[in-house]
Protein backbone atom coordinates (compact mmCIF):
# COMPACT_ATOMS: atom_id res chain seq x y z
CA UNK A 1 -22.36 -36.80 -71.84
CA UNK A 2 -19.35 -36.29 -69.57
CA UNK A 3 -20.09 -35.03 -66.07
CA UNK A 4 -17.44 -32.77 -64.60
CA UNK A 5 -16.76 -33.24 -60.91
CA UNK A 6 -15.71 -30.03 -59.24
CA UNK A 7 -12.70 -30.41 -56.96
CA UNK A 8 -13.49 -30.05 -53.23
CA UNK A 9 -12.84 -26.72 -51.64
CA UNK A 10 -9.45 -26.43 -50.02
CA UNK A 11 -9.11 -25.87 -46.30
CA UNK A 12 -8.01 -22.28 -46.92
CA UNK A 13 -11.14 -21.61 -48.99
CA UNK A 14 -13.46 -23.12 -46.37
CA UNK A 15 -11.83 -21.19 -43.56
CA UNK A 16 -12.00 -18.01 -45.63
CA UNK A 17 -15.72 -18.58 -46.34
CA UNK A 18 -16.42 -19.15 -42.63
CA UNK A 19 -14.45 -16.03 -41.70
CA UNK A 20 -16.42 -14.05 -44.29
CA UNK A 21 -19.77 -15.18 -42.86
CA UNK A 22 -18.68 -14.30 -39.34
CA UNK A 23 -17.42 -10.92 -40.54
CA UNK A 24 -20.71 -10.23 -42.37
CA UNK A 25 -22.69 -11.10 -39.23
CA UNK A 26 -20.51 -8.79 -37.18
CA UNK A 27 -20.88 -5.93 -39.66
CA UNK A 28 -24.67 -6.33 -39.75
CA UNK A 29 -24.81 -6.28 -35.96
CA UNK A 30 -22.59 -3.21 -35.82
CA UNK A 31 -24.70 -1.41 -38.45
CA UNK A 32 -27.89 -2.25 -36.56
CA UNK A 33 -26.38 -0.91 -33.32
CA UNK A 34 -25.14 2.28 -35.01
CA UNK A 35 -28.49 2.99 -36.71
CA UNK A 36 -30.43 2.21 -33.54
CA UNK A 37 -28.22 4.45 -31.43
CA UNK A 38 -28.62 7.24 -33.99
CA UNK A 39 -32.43 6.98 -33.77
CA UNK A 40 -32.31 6.85 -29.98
CA UNK A 41 -30.07 9.92 -30.00
CA UNK A 42 -32.53 11.82 -32.27
CA UNK A 43 -35.48 10.96 -30.04
CA UNK A 44 -33.55 11.89 -26.90
CA UNK A 45 -32.68 15.23 -28.45
CA UNK A 46 -36.36 15.82 -29.22
CA UNK A 47 -37.37 14.86 -25.66
CA UNK A 48 -34.75 17.22 -24.22
CA UNK A 49 -35.96 20.02 -26.53
CA UNK A 50 -39.54 19.47 -25.36
CA UNK A 51 -38.36 19.59 -21.75
CA UNK A 52 -36.56 22.86 -22.39
CA UNK A 53 -39.69 24.33 -24.04
CA UNK A 54 -41.76 23.33 -21.00
CA UNK A 55 -39.31 25.28 -18.89
CA UNK A 56 -39.69 28.22 -21.28
CA UNK A 57 -43.49 27.97 -21.00
CA UNK A 58 -43.20 28.10 -17.21
CA UNK A 59 -40.98 31.16 -17.48
CA UNK A 60 -43.42 32.68 -20.02
CA UNK A 61 -46.34 32.16 -17.61
CA UNK A 62 -44.43 33.90 -14.84
CA UNK A 63 -43.46 36.78 -17.11
CA UNK A 64 -47.06 37.22 -18.35
CA UNK A 65 -48.32 37.24 -14.75
CA UNK A 66 -45.78 39.93 -13.92
CA UNK A 67 -46.87 41.94 -16.97
CA UNK A 68 -50.55 41.72 -15.99
CA UNK A 69 -49.77 42.81 -12.41
CA UNK A 70 -47.67 45.77 -13.55
CA UNK A 71 -50.23 46.79 -16.21
CA UNK A 72 -53.13 46.57 -13.73
CA UNK A 73 -51.20 48.78 -11.32
CA UNK A 74 -50.45 51.56 -13.83
CA UNK A 75 -54.10 51.46 -15.07
CA UNK A 76 -55.42 51.67 -11.52
CA UNK A 77 -53.21 54.70 -10.78
CA UNK A 78 -54.18 56.39 -14.02
CA UNK A 79 -50.61 56.81 -15.18
CA UNK A 80 -49.99 58.66 -18.48
CA UNK A 81 -48.88 56.70 -21.61
CA UNK A 82 -45.21 57.47 -21.22
CA UNK A 83 -45.19 56.15 -17.64
CA UNK A 84 -47.14 53.07 -18.70
CA UNK A 85 -44.62 52.45 -21.50
CA UNK A 86 -41.67 52.93 -19.14
CA UNK A 87 -43.04 50.60 -16.43
CA UNK A 88 -43.84 47.76 -18.89
CA UNK A 89 -40.92 48.11 -21.29
CA UNK A 90 -38.51 45.74 -19.49
CA UNK A 91 -41.04 42.92 -18.98
CA UNK A 92 -42.26 43.37 -22.56
CA UNK A 93 -38.74 43.03 -23.90
CA UNK A 94 -38.22 39.88 -21.81
CA UNK A 95 -41.46 38.38 -23.13
CA UNK A 96 -40.47 39.07 -26.73
CA UNK A 97 -37.12 37.32 -26.16
CA UNK A 98 -38.93 34.30 -24.68
CA UNK A 99 -41.28 34.15 -27.65
CA UNK A 100 -38.28 34.36 -30.01
CA UNK A 101 -36.54 31.43 -28.29
CA UNK A 102 -39.69 29.33 -28.41
CA UNK A 103 -40.19 30.03 -32.12
CA UNK A 104 -36.54 29.26 -32.93
CA UNK A 105 -36.70 26.00 -31.01
CA UNK A 106 -39.90 24.88 -32.71
CA UNK A 107 -38.57 25.84 -36.15
CA UNK A 108 -35.52 23.67 -35.53
CA UNK A 109 -37.78 20.86 -34.28
CA UNK A 110 -39.91 21.05 -37.44
CA UNK A 111 -36.77 20.70 -39.57
CA UNK A 112 -35.34 17.83 -37.54
CA UNK A 113 -38.66 15.93 -37.21
CA UNK A 114 -38.51 14.83 -40.85
CA UNK A 115 -37.24 11.40 -39.77
CA UNK A 116 -40.19 11.07 -37.35
CA UNK A 117 -42.87 11.48 -40.04
CA UNK A 118 -45.30 14.08 -41.39
CA UNK A 119 -47.58 13.91 -38.37
CA UNK A 120 -44.74 14.88 -36.01
CA UNK A 121 -43.80 17.80 -38.25
CA UNK A 122 -47.45 18.99 -38.43
CA UNK A 123 -47.88 18.90 -34.67
CA UNK A 124 -44.71 20.91 -34.13
CA UNK A 125 -45.84 23.43 -36.77
CA UNK A 126 -49.19 23.76 -34.94
CA UNK A 127 -47.29 24.52 -31.74
CA UNK A 128 -45.36 27.19 -33.60
CA UNK A 129 -48.68 28.76 -34.69
CA UNK A 130 -49.92 28.73 -31.09
CA UNK A 131 -46.78 30.59 -30.04
CA UNK A 132 -47.40 33.11 -32.83
CA UNK A 133 -51.04 33.69 -31.65
CA UNK A 134 -49.88 34.18 -28.05
CA UNK A 135 -47.26 36.65 -29.20
CA UNK A 136 -49.86 38.51 -31.32
CA UNK A 137 -52.23 38.78 -28.34
CA UNK A 138 -49.41 40.11 -26.19
CA UNK A 139 -48.38 42.64 -28.84
CA UNK A 140 -52.04 43.82 -29.15
CA UNK A 141 -52.42 44.18 -25.39
CA UNK A 142 -49.10 46.02 -25.00
CA UNK A 143 -49.86 48.39 -27.88
CA UNK A 144 -53.25 49.21 -26.36
CA UNK A 145 -51.68 49.73 -22.93
CA UNK A 146 -49.10 52.28 -24.21
CA UNK A 147 -51.60 54.04 -26.52
CA UNK A 148 -52.58 57.70 -25.99
CA UNK A 149 -55.95 56.89 -24.47
CA UNK A 150 -56.48 57.57 -20.78
CA UNK A 151 -59.78 55.72 -20.56
CA UNK A 152 -59.36 53.22 -17.72
CA UNK A 153 -62.20 51.00 -18.85
CA UNK A 154 -60.77 50.74 -22.32
CA UNK A 155 -57.30 49.96 -20.95
CA UNK A 156 -58.77 47.30 -18.62
CA UNK A 157 -60.55 45.81 -21.62
CA UNK A 158 -57.22 45.45 -23.43
CA UNK A 159 -55.71 43.73 -20.40
CA UNK A 160 -58.70 41.49 -19.69
CA UNK A 161 -58.92 40.40 -23.31
CA UNK A 162 -55.20 39.48 -23.27
CA UNK A 163 -55.41 37.61 -19.95
CA UNK A 164 -58.53 35.63 -20.88
CA UNK A 165 -57.24 34.67 -24.34
CA UNK A 166 -53.57 34.00 -23.46
CA UNK A 167 -54.09 31.44 -20.69
CA UNK A 168 -55.97 28.86 -22.86
CA UNK A 169 -53.38 29.16 -25.60
CA UNK A 170 -50.55 28.63 -23.11
CA UNK A 171 -52.30 25.67 -21.48
CA UNK A 172 -52.94 24.11 -24.88
CA UNK A 173 -49.27 24.53 -25.88
CA UNK A 174 -48.06 23.04 -22.58
CA UNK A 175 -50.38 20.03 -22.88
CA UNK A 176 -49.31 19.46 -26.47
CA UNK A 177 -45.63 19.59 -25.46
CA UNK A 178 -46.26 17.06 -22.71
CA UNK A 179 -48.03 14.76 -25.17
CA UNK A 180 -45.14 15.10 -27.59
CA UNK A 181 -42.65 14.29 -24.82
CA UNK A 182 -44.62 11.20 -23.73
CA UNK A 183 -44.86 10.00 -27.33
CA UNK A 184 -41.11 10.50 -27.81
CA UNK A 185 -40.25 8.58 -24.61
CA UNK A 186 -42.71 5.84 -25.61
CA UNK A 187 -41.06 5.69 -29.03
CA UNK A 188 -37.65 5.38 -27.40
CA UNK A 189 -38.89 2.47 -25.29
CA UNK A 190 -40.37 0.74 -28.36
CA UNK A 191 -37.12 1.31 -30.26
CA UNK A 192 -35.16 -0.13 -27.34
CA UNK A 193 -37.35 -3.22 -27.36
CA UNK A 194 -36.91 -3.62 -31.13
CA UNK A 195 -33.13 -3.19 -30.81
CA UNK A 196 -33.01 -5.70 -27.95
CA UNK A 197 -34.99 -8.22 -29.99
CA UNK A 198 -32.82 -7.67 -33.05
CA UNK A 199 -29.65 -7.96 -30.94
CA UNK A 200 -30.86 -11.24 -29.45
CA UNK A 201 -31.66 -12.57 -32.91
CA UNK A 202 -28.28 -11.49 -34.29
CA UNK A 203 -26.50 -12.91 -31.23
CA UNK A 204 -28.30 -16.24 -31.60
CA UNK A 205 -27.50 -16.28 -35.31
CA UNK A 206 -23.82 -15.53 -34.59
CA UNK A 207 -23.76 -18.24 -31.91
CA UNK A 208 -25.29 -20.79 -34.28
CA UNK A 209 -22.89 -19.76 -37.03
CA UNK A 210 -19.87 -20.06 -34.70
CA UNK A 211 -21.06 -23.44 -33.48
CA UNK A 212 -21.53 -24.61 -37.05
CA UNK A 213 -18.07 -23.35 -38.07
CA UNK A 214 -16.43 -25.00 -35.06
CA UNK A 215 -18.20 -28.37 -35.10
CA UNK A 216 -18.45 -28.61 -38.89
CA UNK A 217 -15.07 -27.20 -39.93
CA UNK A 218 -12.62 -26.23 -37.19
CA UNK A 219 -13.20 -29.12 -34.78
CA UNK A 220 -12.54 -31.89 -37.34
CA UNK A 221 -9.36 -30.11 -38.47
CA UNK A 222 -8.19 -29.89 -34.85
CA UNK A 223 -8.69 -33.64 -34.50
CA UNK A 224 -6.67 -34.22 -37.65
CA UNK A 225 -3.94 -31.90 -36.33
CA UNK A 226 -3.95 -33.81 -33.03
CA UNK A 227 -3.34 -37.01 -34.97
CA UNK A 228 -0.49 -35.28 -36.82
CA UNK A 229 1.02 -34.09 -33.51
CA UNK A 230 0.80 -37.61 -32.08
CA UNK A 231 2.60 -38.89 -35.17
CA UNK A 232 5.32 -36.24 -34.73
CA UNK A 233 5.77 -37.29 -31.09
CA UNK A 234 6.15 -40.91 -32.15
CA UNK A 235 8.74 -39.88 -34.74
CA UNK A 236 10.57 -37.91 -32.05
CA UNK A 237 10.63 -41.11 -30.00
CA UNK A 238 12.15 -42.90 -33.03
CA UNK A 239 8.95 -44.85 -33.70
CA UNK A 240 8.67 -44.72 -37.47
CA UNK A 241 5.85 -47.31 -37.90
CA UNK A 242 3.31 -44.61 -38.79
CA UNK A 243 0.58 -44.56 -41.39
CA UNK A 244 -1.71 -41.52 -41.43
CA UNK A 245 -4.86 -41.56 -43.63
CA UNK A 246 -4.27 -39.40 -46.71
CA UNK A 247 -7.60 -39.88 -48.48
CA UNK A 248 -8.52 -36.16 -48.30
CA UNK A 249 -6.75 -33.87 -50.74
CA UNK A 250 -6.76 -30.66 -48.72
CA UNK A 251 -3.70 -29.07 -47.09
CA UNK A 252 -3.74 -31.32 -44.00
CA UNK A 253 -4.20 -34.39 -46.22
CA UNK A 254 -1.12 -33.37 -48.20
CA UNK A 255 0.76 -32.92 -44.90
CA UNK A 256 -0.35 -36.43 -43.88
CA UNK A 257 1.10 -37.85 -47.09
CA UNK A 258 4.42 -36.02 -46.60
CA UNK A 259 4.59 -37.22 -42.98
CA UNK A 260 4.11 -40.83 -44.13
CA UNK A 261 6.92 -40.48 -46.66
CA UNK A 262 9.16 -38.83 -44.06
CA UNK A 263 8.55 -41.66 -41.57
CA UNK A 264 9.49 -44.26 -44.19
CA UNK A 265 12.69 -42.38 -45.08
CA UNK A 266 13.60 -41.96 -41.42
CA UNK A 267 13.05 -45.63 -40.72
CA UNK A 268 15.53 -46.53 -43.48
CA UNK A 269 17.97 -43.90 -42.26
CA UNK A 270 17.67 -45.03 -38.62
CA UNK A 271 18.67 -48.57 -39.53
CA UNK A 272 21.77 -47.33 -41.31
CA UNK A 273 22.64 -44.94 -38.49
CA UNK A 274 22.32 -47.71 -35.90
CA UNK A 275 24.87 -49.80 -37.74
CA UNK A 276 27.27 -46.88 -38.11
CA UNK A 277 26.81 -45.93 -34.47
CA UNK A 278 27.78 -49.39 -33.29
CA UNK A 279 31.03 -49.21 -35.24
CA UNK A 280 31.75 -45.65 -34.07
CA UNK A 281 31.14 -46.50 -30.42
CA UNK A 282 33.70 -49.24 -30.57
CA UNK A 283 36.29 -46.94 -32.14
CA UNK A 284 35.51 -44.12 -29.69
CA UNK A 285 35.90 -46.37 -26.68
CA UNK A 286 39.30 -47.50 -27.91
CA UNK A 287 40.56 -44.00 -28.61
CA UNK A 288 39.03 -42.16 -25.65
CA UNK A 289 41.13 -43.83 -23.01
CA UNK A 290 44.35 -43.23 -24.90
CA UNK A 291 43.46 -39.57 -25.52
CA UNK A 292 42.47 -39.01 -21.90
CA UNK A 293 45.81 -40.25 -20.59
CA UNK A 294 47.77 -38.26 -23.18
CA UNK A 295 45.74 -35.13 -22.53
CA UNK A 296 46.34 -35.33 -18.78
CA UNK A 297 50.06 -35.58 -19.30
CA UNK A 298 50.08 -32.72 -21.81
CA UNK A 299 48.03 -30.45 -19.58
CA UNK A 300 50.32 -31.00 -16.62
CA UNK A 301 53.43 -30.47 -18.71
CA UNK A 302 52.07 -27.38 -20.41
CA UNK A 303 50.94 -25.83 -17.14
CA UNK A 304 54.32 -26.40 -15.54
CA UNK A 305 56.10 -25.00 -18.58
CA UNK A 306 53.97 -21.86 -18.85
CA UNK A 307 54.15 -21.04 -15.16
CA UNK A 308 57.88 -21.65 -14.97
CA UNK A 309 58.77 -19.48 -17.96
CA UNK A 310 56.35 -16.74 -16.96
CA UNK A 311 57.85 -16.60 -13.48
CA UNK A 312 61.43 -16.75 -14.77
CA UNK A 313 60.88 -13.94 -17.31
CA UNK A 314 59.23 -11.72 -14.72
CA UNK A 315 61.67 -12.26 -11.89
CA UNK A 316 64.91 -12.13 -13.87
CA UNK A 317 64.14 -9.33 -16.32
CA UNK A 318 64.36 -6.43 -13.85
CA UNK A 319 67.85 -7.10 -12.36
CA UNK A 320 69.23 -8.07 -15.77
CA UNK A 321 67.94 -4.81 -17.25
CA UNK A 322 69.63 -2.78 -14.51
CA UNK A 323 72.92 -4.70 -14.94
CA UNK A 324 72.87 -4.10 -18.71
CA UNK A 325 72.14 -0.39 -18.27
CA UNK A 326 74.97 0.07 -15.74
CA UNK A 327 77.37 -1.90 -17.93
CA UNK A 328 76.54 0.31 -20.92
CA UNK A 329 77.03 3.44 -18.82
CA UNK A 330 80.38 2.14 -17.60
CA UNK A 331 81.51 1.33 -21.13
CA UNK A 332 80.56 4.83 -22.24
CA UNK A 333 82.75 6.31 -19.52
CA UNK A 334 80.49 7.00 -16.56
CA UNK A 335 81.85 9.66 -14.22
CA UNK A 336 81.50 7.34 -11.20
CA UNK A 337 82.40 3.80 -12.34
CA UNK A 338 82.58 2.56 -8.75
CA UNK A 339 78.90 3.40 -8.25
CA UNK A 340 78.03 1.55 -11.49
CA UNK A 341 80.05 -1.49 -10.39
CA UNK A 342 78.37 -1.35 -6.97
CA UNK A 343 74.95 -1.30 -8.62
CA UNK A 344 75.93 -4.17 -10.91
CA UNK A 345 77.20 -6.12 -7.90
CA UNK A 346 74.00 -5.41 -5.93
CA UNK A 347 71.78 -6.43 -8.84
CA UNK A 348 73.86 -9.49 -9.57
CA UNK A 349 73.62 -10.51 -5.91
CA UNK A 350 69.86 -10.00 -6.07
CA UNK A 351 69.72 -11.97 -9.33
CA UNK A 352 71.70 -14.77 -7.72
CA UNK A 353 69.31 -14.67 -4.79
CA UNK A 354 66.32 -14.96 -7.15
CA UNK A 355 67.95 -17.94 -8.86
CA UNK A 356 68.35 -19.54 -5.44
CA UNK A 357 64.69 -18.76 -4.77
CA UNK A 358 63.76 -20.44 -8.05
CA UNK A 359 65.72 -23.51 -7.13
CA UNK A 360 64.11 -23.62 -3.72
CA UNK A 361 60.66 -23.27 -5.27
CA UNK A 362 61.45 -26.03 -7.75
CA UNK A 363 62.62 -28.28 -4.92
CA UNK A 364 59.52 -27.44 -2.90
CA UNK A 365 57.33 -28.52 -5.81
CA UNK A 366 59.00 -31.94 -5.76
CA UNK A 367 58.86 -32.26 -1.98
CA UNK A 368 62.64 -31.71 -1.48
CA UNK A 369 62.35 -28.40 0.41
CA UNK A 370 65.01 -27.93 3.05
CA UNK A 371 64.82 -25.32 5.84
CA UNK A 372 67.92 -23.95 7.60
CA UNK A 373 66.54 -22.68 10.90
CA UNK A 374 68.62 -20.09 12.75
CA UNK A 375 68.11 -16.87 14.74
CA UNK A 376 67.03 -14.06 12.35
CA UNK A 377 66.71 -10.31 13.00
CA UNK A 378 63.12 -9.73 11.84
CA UNK A 379 63.59 -5.95 11.47
CA UNK A 380 66.66 -6.34 9.24
CA UNK A 381 64.85 -9.00 7.25
CA UNK A 382 61.93 -6.61 6.76
CA UNK A 383 64.27 -3.85 5.51
CA UNK A 384 65.76 -6.28 2.96
CA UNK A 385 62.28 -7.12 1.67
CA UNK A 386 61.37 -3.41 1.47
CA UNK A 387 64.55 -2.65 -0.50
CA UNK A 388 63.80 -5.52 -2.88
CA UNK A 389 60.24 -4.29 -3.59
CA UNK A 390 60.82 -0.53 -3.42
CA UNK A 391 60.81 -0.08 -7.20
CA UNK A 392 57.59 -2.10 -7.54
CA UNK A 393 55.89 -0.05 -4.81
CA UNK A 394 56.95 3.18 -6.51
CA UNK A 395 55.73 2.02 -9.92
CA UNK A 396 52.37 1.05 -8.36
CA UNK A 397 52.04 4.54 -6.83
CA UNK A 398 51.70 3.09 -3.33
CA UNK A 399 52.86 4.76 -0.12
CA UNK A 400 54.72 2.48 2.30
CA UNK A 401 54.52 3.08 6.03
CA UNK A 402 57.03 1.01 8.03
CA UNK A 403 57.35 2.53 11.53
CA UNK A 404 60.49 1.87 13.50
CA UNK A 405 60.15 -1.52 15.09
CA UNK A 406 61.68 -3.04 18.21
CA UNK A 407 64.56 -5.47 17.90
CA UNK A 408 62.97 -8.86 17.53
CA UNK A 409 64.89 -12.05 16.85
CA UNK A 410 62.96 -15.10 15.62
CA UNK A 411 63.84 -18.60 14.58
CA UNK A 412 63.59 -19.45 10.90
CA UNK A 413 65.23 -19.84 7.51
CA UNK A 414 66.38 -16.33 6.54
CA UNK A 415 66.02 -16.79 2.78
CA UNK A 416 62.59 -18.43 3.04
CA UNK A 417 61.31 -15.83 5.51
CA UNK A 418 62.57 -13.01 3.29
CA UNK A 419 60.72 -14.55 0.36
CA UNK A 420 57.55 -14.92 2.48
CA UNK A 421 57.64 -11.17 3.31
CA UNK A 422 58.43 -10.20 -0.31
CA UNK A 423 55.58 -12.39 -1.51
CA UNK A 424 53.12 -10.75 0.90
CA UNK A 425 54.21 -7.25 -0.21
CA UNK A 426 53.85 -8.20 -3.86
CA UNK A 427 50.45 -9.74 -3.15
CA UNK A 428 49.36 -6.38 -1.69
CA UNK A 429 50.80 -4.51 -4.71
CA UNK A 430 48.92 -6.81 -7.08
CA UNK A 431 45.52 -6.71 -5.37
CA UNK A 432 45.42 -3.51 -3.26
CA UNK A 433 47.01 -1.06 -5.70
CA UNK A 434 43.79 1.01 -5.78
CA UNK A 435 44.13 1.81 -2.06
CA UNK A 436 47.59 3.39 -2.62
CA UNK A 437 48.70 2.60 0.95
CA UNK A 438 50.62 -0.22 2.63
CA UNK A 439 51.74 -0.56 6.25
CA UNK A 440 54.30 -3.03 7.69
CA UNK A 441 54.43 -3.48 11.47
CA UNK A 442 56.50 -5.73 13.75
CA UNK A 443 55.22 -6.56 17.24
CA UNK A 444 57.51 -7.52 20.16
CA UNK A 445 56.06 -11.04 20.19
CA UNK A 446 57.48 -11.74 16.72
CA UNK A 447 54.33 -10.93 14.72
CA UNK A 448 54.67 -9.21 11.32
CA UNK A 449 51.49 -7.48 9.99
CA UNK A 450 51.09 -6.57 6.30
CA UNK A 451 48.15 -4.12 6.15
CA UNK A 452 46.70 -2.72 2.89
CA UNK A 453 43.85 -0.37 1.93
CA UNK A 454 42.47 -2.62 -0.77
CA UNK A 455 38.96 -3.98 -1.52
CA UNK A 456 39.35 -6.76 1.07
CA UNK A 457 38.62 -10.47 0.81
CA UNK A 458 35.09 -11.84 0.80
CA UNK A 459 34.21 -13.87 3.95
CA UNK A 460 33.43 -16.97 1.89
CA UNK A 461 36.94 -16.83 0.36
CA UNK A 462 38.97 -16.28 3.55
CA UNK A 463 38.75 -19.93 4.58
CA UNK A 464 40.38 -21.14 1.34
CA UNK A 465 42.89 -18.45 0.28
CA UNK A 466 45.71 -20.59 1.72
CA UNK A 467 44.60 -23.63 -0.32
CA UNK A 468 46.70 -24.77 -3.25
CA UNK A 469 45.83 -22.90 -6.48
CA UNK A 470 42.94 -21.06 -4.83
CA UNK A 471 41.87 -17.65 -6.16
CA UNK A 472 39.14 -15.75 -4.37
CA UNK A 473 37.27 -12.56 -5.07
CA UNK A 474 39.96 -10.63 -3.24
CA UNK A 475 42.53 -11.78 -5.76
CA UNK A 476 44.77 -14.24 -3.86
CA UNK A 477 46.23 -16.00 -6.85
CA UNK A 478 49.21 -18.32 -7.24
CA UNK A 479 52.29 -16.93 -8.96
CA UNK A 480 56.07 -17.21 -8.75
CA UNK A 481 57.79 -16.21 -5.54
CA UNK A 482 55.61 -17.43 -2.76
CA UNK A 483 51.91 -18.10 -3.05
CA UNK A 484 49.87 -18.02 0.14
CA UNK A 485 49.64 -21.81 0.23
CA UNK A 486 53.44 -22.21 0.14
CA UNK A 487 53.87 -19.25 2.54
CA UNK A 488 51.67 -21.00 5.09
CA UNK A 489 53.64 -24.20 4.65
CA UNK A 490 56.97 -22.40 5.19
CA UNK A 491 55.72 -20.50 8.26
CA UNK A 492 54.08 -23.52 9.89
CA UNK A 493 57.12 -25.75 9.20
CA UNK A 494 59.15 -23.28 11.28
CA UNK A 495 56.67 -23.31 14.18
CA UNK A 496 54.80 -20.12 13.22
CA UNK A 497 51.27 -19.16 12.21
CA UNK A 498 49.74 -17.09 9.39
CA UNK A 499 46.23 -15.56 9.48
CA UNK A 500 44.08 -13.08 7.54
CA UNK A 501 41.72 -10.32 8.80
CA UNK A 502 39.29 -8.57 6.41
CA UNK A 503 37.63 -6.12 6.59
CA UNK A 504 39.68 -4.20 9.12
CA UNK A 505 38.21 -2.35 12.10
CA UNK A 506 37.82 1.33 11.32
CA UNK A 507 40.29 2.37 14.04
CA UNK A 508 43.07 0.32 12.42
CA UNK A 509 42.15 0.73 8.73
CA UNK A 510 44.39 2.80 6.45
CA UNK A 511 41.50 4.47 4.61
CA UNK A 512 37.85 4.13 3.60
CA UNK A 513 38.34 0.78 1.82
CA UNK A 514 37.68 -2.49 3.69
CA UNK A 515 41.39 -3.39 3.70
CA UNK A 516 43.17 -6.67 4.53
CA UNK A 517 45.72 -7.61 7.19
CA UNK A 518 47.89 -10.73 6.89
CA UNK A 519 49.66 -11.58 10.15
CA UNK A 520 52.74 -13.82 10.29
CA UNK A 521 53.83 -14.85 13.80
CA UNK A 522 57.18 -16.63 14.22
CA UNK A 523 58.63 -18.25 17.35
CA UNK A 524 61.12 -16.04 19.23
CA UNK A 525 64.78 -17.09 19.21
CA UNK A 526 64.80 -17.27 23.01
CA UNK A 527 62.04 -19.86 23.12
């Protein structure tokens, strides 16, 4: 006979079985709570109904007392039947309504007391009969009171019979209602105790079940997962000497086996990689130094080339374009050829000047800058710079304010100083275009102020805008012509100073923007 060995349950199956048991326990607890609360609700409803009926009984007693007082009065006065009927009609109608409410409430209680047992239904039906007997006694007394007889003794007999028979029935009904209410409240307390006991039992059972699931199933799997995590950390640290036990055939056991195989494969791969890495490191070290030196040279050469050609194309295109246009107009027979030739001559002179500027900039980059210091009319120099940048200011939509200045003669290189002023104007066009306003002022002490209505220069950038290749948030960038670093060098080499103020005081600002003022002060020619 061959004995079949059933395969062990997988981890998924065991976890599913544990989850099912916990779910079943939860559902049973929930069902017990729902059923218990439903029974408590039914009993509370019955207790509230009994309380309302006791209130109705109290009202009924008061109404009956009022009826007896009114009836005794009309009998004592010997009132005729129609007067007796009129005086007692309202209170009689009120009593009938009270009796109707009591009957309706008890009928509903008899129907709803089915869940409380036959005895509870019988007792509520008995109460309903008591209400019916009280109502019958009242109807008999009222009919006798409004009858055609005028015999006072007979009428008093009707009233006395009603009063003596009604009070015991009412007292019996009230006592029975109180007993019913006490029994209902006692039943609620017993039900609460049973629910509490059942809840404690179910809670203890759930606690034991959870403890069994954790210590018998979940806890051991956590320990196995901890071992797997430790193995993964060792693998991450390139420690591949790992051997996890794979004697169990569940999902974690299969993961153990795959981890062992992965560690073996990684160990073999790591040895090969180490050998390849050693060879690569040697090659990289040899090539890196050569590439670094070549890259440095290429970067420097490329930067110089790009900046030079960009500056050349920008600075030479405008005068060349004007010269070509005037030449074409002259060839086509312009009505005023002298004006065209004058424009060509002016632009050619300006182009020649820009070429000289380029050569000076190139020499300055190699440290061969030469300065020809001589007396210079600062106002005339300013007008030359304005004429050179007028088209750029117009294209930028900026308004130039250059009030008439006093005659000031300073010492300096005319061409370099002109280029310094042109560079400052272009710097304002580039970075303060949004303010649409520019002001140039010359002070008697030889100070030239270039004031714009731009966004200003951040305080943390003002200390370094004159550094080589610096570019701050205010936009002081290097470009062809004269960057601020070279402008400072030119001014200081001629004994002057250059400074920046931003933001401007409101009394000197050109608008609502913060604004910037660059001040160039040159030594007077008389010094």
